[in-house]
Amino acid sequence: MNFRICGRLASAAFVSCLLENSQTLAQNAYITNQGSNTMSVINTETNTVTATVPVGAGPYGVAVTPDDSKVYITNNGSNSVSVIDTATNAVVATILGNLCKSHRPVIVI
């Protein structure tokens, strides 16, 4: 599979995964794929894509809960947030809202 990944977004997601706890490294990086409306799960030890999860249109922002149990993906094109369970790599909820389409949505956990 070939995915076009935004360099800055990929770097930011990877670094945020690594910085959560300086004593433990994240097992996975969560990268949005705007062109295919999916999110890729990348194993950081093997640098391989282990899952591709369909999300809303125009996925952009990524946030991971402190306990690594959920990933939140902001979908700029569908004005929504996809909530992904990291144990199953499946969307467990979609939050529809009044996200401003002229700005990139931001999630703070």
C-alpha atoms as a PDB file:
ATOM      1  CA  MET A   1       0.000   0.000   0.000  1.00  0.00           C
ATOM      2  CA  ASN A   2       1.207   3.461  -0.818  1.00  0.00           C
ATOM      3  CA  PHE A   3       0.090   6.378   1.308  1.00  0.00           C
ATOM      4  CA  ARG A   4       1.017  10.006   0.909  1.00  0.00           C
ATOM      5  CA  ILE A   5       1.725  11.222   4.431  1.00  0.00           C
ATOM      6  CA  CYS A   6       2.171  14.861   5.335  1.00  0.00           C
ATOM      7  CA  GLY A   7       5.751  15.142   6.608  1.00  0.00           C
ATOM      8  CA  ARG A   8       5.083  17.590   9.413  1.00  0.00           C
ATOM      9  CA  LEU A   9       1.987  15.727  10.586  1.00  0.00           C
ATOM     10  CA  ALA A  10       3.775  12.380  10.543  1.00  0.00           C
ATOM     11  CA  SER A  11       6.698  13.836  12.489  1.00  0.00           C
ATOM     12  CA  ALA A  12       4.419  15.493  15.042  1.00  0.00           C
ATOM     13  CA  ALA A  13       2.384  12.328  15.617  1.00  0.00           C
ATOM     14  CA  PHE A  14       5.505  10.190  15.969  1.00  0.00           C
ATOM     15  CA  VAL A  15       7.227  12.625  18.333  1.00  0.00           C
ATOM     16  CA  SER A  16       4.098  13.006  20.478  1.00  0.00           C
ATOM     17  CA  CYS A  17       3.937   9.223  20.836  1.00  0.00           C
ATOM     18  CA  LEU A  18       7.565   9.122  21.946  1.00  0.00           C
ATOM     19  CA  LEU A  19       7.326  12.017  24.383  1.00  0.00           C
ATOM     20  CA  GLU A  20       4.399  10.752  26.440  1.00  0.00           C
ATOM     21  CA  ASN A  21       6.701   8.984  28.892  1.00  0.00           C
ATOM     22  CA  SER A  22      10.448   9.291  28.590  1.00  0.00           C
ATOM     23  CA  GLN A  23      10.950   5.860  30.154  1.00  0.00           C
ATOM     24  CA  THR A  24       8.746   3.942  27.707  1.00  0.00           C
ATOM     25  CA  LEU A  25       8.535   4.235  23.962  1.00  0.00           C
ATOM     26  CA  ALA A  26       5.253   4.030  22.142  1.00  0.00           C
ATOM     27  CA  GLN A  27       4.610   0.804  20.258  1.00  0.00           C
ATOM     28  CA  ASN A  28       2.509   2.489  17.593  1.00  0.00           C
ATOM     29  CA  ALA A  29       2.338   5.722  15.667  1.00  0.00           C
ATOM     30  CA  TYR A  30      -1.051   6.870  14.354  1.00  0.00           C
ATOM     31  CA  ILE A  31      -0.846   8.648  10.997  1.00  0.00           C
ATOM     32  CA  THR A  32      -3.717  10.197   9.041  1.00  0.00           C
ATOM     33  CA  ASN A  33      -4.024   9.597   5.293  1.00  0.00           C
ATOM     34  CA  GLN A  34      -6.023  12.521   3.917  1.00  0.00           C
ATOM     35  CA  GLY A  35      -6.260  11.207   0.372  1.00  0.00           C
ATOM     36  CA  SER A  36      -7.842   7.897   1.366  1.00  0.00           C
ATOM     37  CA  ASN A  37      -9.816   9.023   4.462  1.00  0.00           C
ATOM     38  CA  THR A  38      -8.025   6.485   6.625  1.00  0.00           C
ATOM     39  CA  MET A  39      -5.606   6.314   9.529  1.00  0.00           C
ATOM     40  CA  SER A  40      -2.579   4.018   9.492  1.00  0.00           C
ATOM     41  CA  VAL A  41      -1.249   2.275  12.583  1.00  0.00           C
ATOM     42  CA  ILE A  42       2.517   1.928  12.291  1.00  0.00           C
ATOM     43  CA  ASN A  43       4.536  -0.372  14.550  1.00  0.00           C
ATOM     44  CA  THR A  44       7.435   1.822  15.659  1.00  0.00           C
ATOM     45  CA  GLU A  45       9.791  -1.106  16.246  1.00  0.00           C
ATOM     46  CA  THR A  46       9.387  -2.653  12.782  1.00  0.00           C
ATOM     47  CA  ASN A  47       8.294   0.481  10.864  1.00  0.00           C
ATOM     48  CA  THR A  48       5.463  -1.462   9.243  1.00  0.00           C
ATOM     49  CA  VAL A  49       1.802  -0.604   8.770  1.00  0.00           C
ATOM     50  CA  THR A  50      -0.132  -3.009  10.990  1.00  0.00           C
ATOM     51  CA  ALA A  51      -3.639  -1.663  10.356  1.00  0.00           C
ATOM     52  CA  THR A  52      -5.504   0.822   8.198  1.00  0.00           C
ATOM     53  CA  VAL A  53      -8.693   2.209   9.718  1.00  0.00           C
ATOM     54  CA  PRO A  54     -11.406   4.008   7.699  1.00  0.00           C
ATOM     55  CA  VAL A  55     -12.305   7.352   9.312  1.00  0.00           C
ATOM     56  CA  GLY A  56     -14.190  10.470   8.190  1.00  0.00           C
ATOM     57  CA  ALA A  57     -13.395  12.702   5.234  1.00  0.00           C
ATOM     58  CA  GLY A  58     -10.178  14.703   5.358  1.00  0.00           C
ATOM     59  CA  PRO A  59      -8.556  13.258   8.505  1.00  0.00           C
ATOM     60  CA  TYR A  60      -6.007  15.683   9.902  1.00  0.00           C
ATOM     61  CA  GLY A  61      -5.418  15.863  13.667  1.00  0.00           C
ATOM     62  CA  VAL A  62      -4.380  13.018  15.971  1.00  0.00           C
ATOM     63  CA  ALA A  63      -4.581  12.721  19.754  1.00  0.00           C
ATOM     64  CA  VAL A  64      -3.919   9.675  21.934  1.00  0.00           C
ATOM     65  CA  THR A  65      -5.288   9.276  25.465  1.00  0.00           C
ATOM     66  CA  PRO A  66      -2.658   9.068  28.225  1.00  0.00           C
ATOM     67  CA  ASP A  67      -3.429   5.372  28.797  1.00  0.00           C
ATOM     68  CA  ASP A  68      -3.096   4.652  25.038  1.00  0.00           C
ATOM     69  CA  SER A  69      -6.591   3.120  24.922  1.00  0.00           C
ATOM     70  CA  LYS A  70      -8.167   5.555  22.446  1.00  0.00           C
ATOM     71  CA  VAL A  71      -7.091   7.613  19.453  1.00  0.00           C
ATOM     72  CA  TYR A  72      -9.084  10.665  18.365  1.00  0.00           C
ATOM     73  CA  ILE A  73      -8.901  11.695  14.705  1.00  0.00           C
ATOM     74  CA  THR A  74     -10.276  15.053  13.584  1.00  0.00           C
ATOM     75  CA  ASN A  75     -11.921  14.839  10.173  1.00  0.00           C
ATOM     76  CA  ASN A  76     -11.863  18.271   8.599  1.00  0.00           C
ATOM     77  CA  GLY A  77     -13.885  17.266   5.531  1.00  0.00           C
ATOM     78  CA  SER A  78     -16.762  15.652   7.435  1.00  0.00           C
ATOM     79  CA  ASN A  79     -16.812  18.017  10.426  1.00  0.00           C
ATOM     80  CA  SER A  80     -16.370  15.125  12.850  1.00  0.00           C
ATOM     81  CA  VAL A  81     -14.035  13.283  15.197  1.00  0.00           C
ATOM     82  CA  SER A  82     -13.463   9.525  14.912  1.00  0.00           C
ATOM     83  CA  VAL A  83     -12.777   7.696  18.186  1.00  0.00           C
ATOM     84  CA  ILE A  84     -10.669   4.570  17.711  1.00  0.00           C
ATOM     85  CA  ASP A  85     -10.168   1.772  20.242  1.00  0.00           C
ATOM     86  CA  THR A  86      -6.467   0.889  20.087  1.00  0.00           C
ATOM     87  CA  ALA A  87      -7.060  -2.706  21.224  1.00  0.00           C
ATOM     88  CA  THR A  88      -9.185  -3.456  18.155  1.00  0.00           C
ATOM     89  CA  ASN A  89      -8.146  -0.623  15.801  1.00  0.00           C
ATOM     90  CA  ALA A  90     -11.818  -0.004  15.116  1.00  0.00           C
ATOM     91  CA  VAL A  91     -13.890   3.172  15.187  1.00  0.00           C
ATOM     92  CA  VAL A  92     -16.057   2.947  18.316  1.00  0.00           C
ATOM     93  CA  ALA A  93     -17.710   6.372  18.045  1.00  0.00           C
ATOM     94  CA  THR A  94     -18.052   9.331  15.735  1.00  0.00           C
ATOM     95  CA  ILE A  95     -18.515  12.759  17.258  1.00  0.00           C
ATOM     96  CA  LEU A  96     -20.325  15.230  15.033  1.00  0.00           C
ATOM     97  CA  GLY A  97     -19.907  18.861  15.873  1.00  0.00           C
ATOM     98  CA  ASN A  98     -19.503  22.439  14.903  1.00  0.00           C
ATOM     99  CA  LEU A  99     -15.872  22.188  13.924  1.00  0.00           C
ATOM    100  CA  CYS A 100     -14.813  25.226  11.964  1.00  0.00           C
ATOM    101  CA  LYS A 101     -13.992  24.083   8.430  1.00  0.00           C
ATOM    102  CA  SER A 102     -11.835  27.141   7.762  1.00  0.00           C
ATOM    103  CA  HIS A 103      -9.377  26.079  10.496  1.00  0.00           C
ATOM    104  CA  ARG A 104      -7.833  22.754  11.321  1.00  0.00           C
ATOM    105  CA  PRO A 105      -9.558  21.174  14.332  1.00  0.00           C
ATOM    106  CA  VAL A 106      -7.376  20.629  17.384  1.00  0.00           C
ATOM    107  CA  ILE A 107      -7.833  18.079  20.163  1.00  0.00           C
ATOM    108  CA  VAL A 108      -6.316  18.536  23.602  1.00  0.00           C
ATOM    109  CA  ILE A 109      -6.345  15.591  26.002  1.00  0.00           C
END
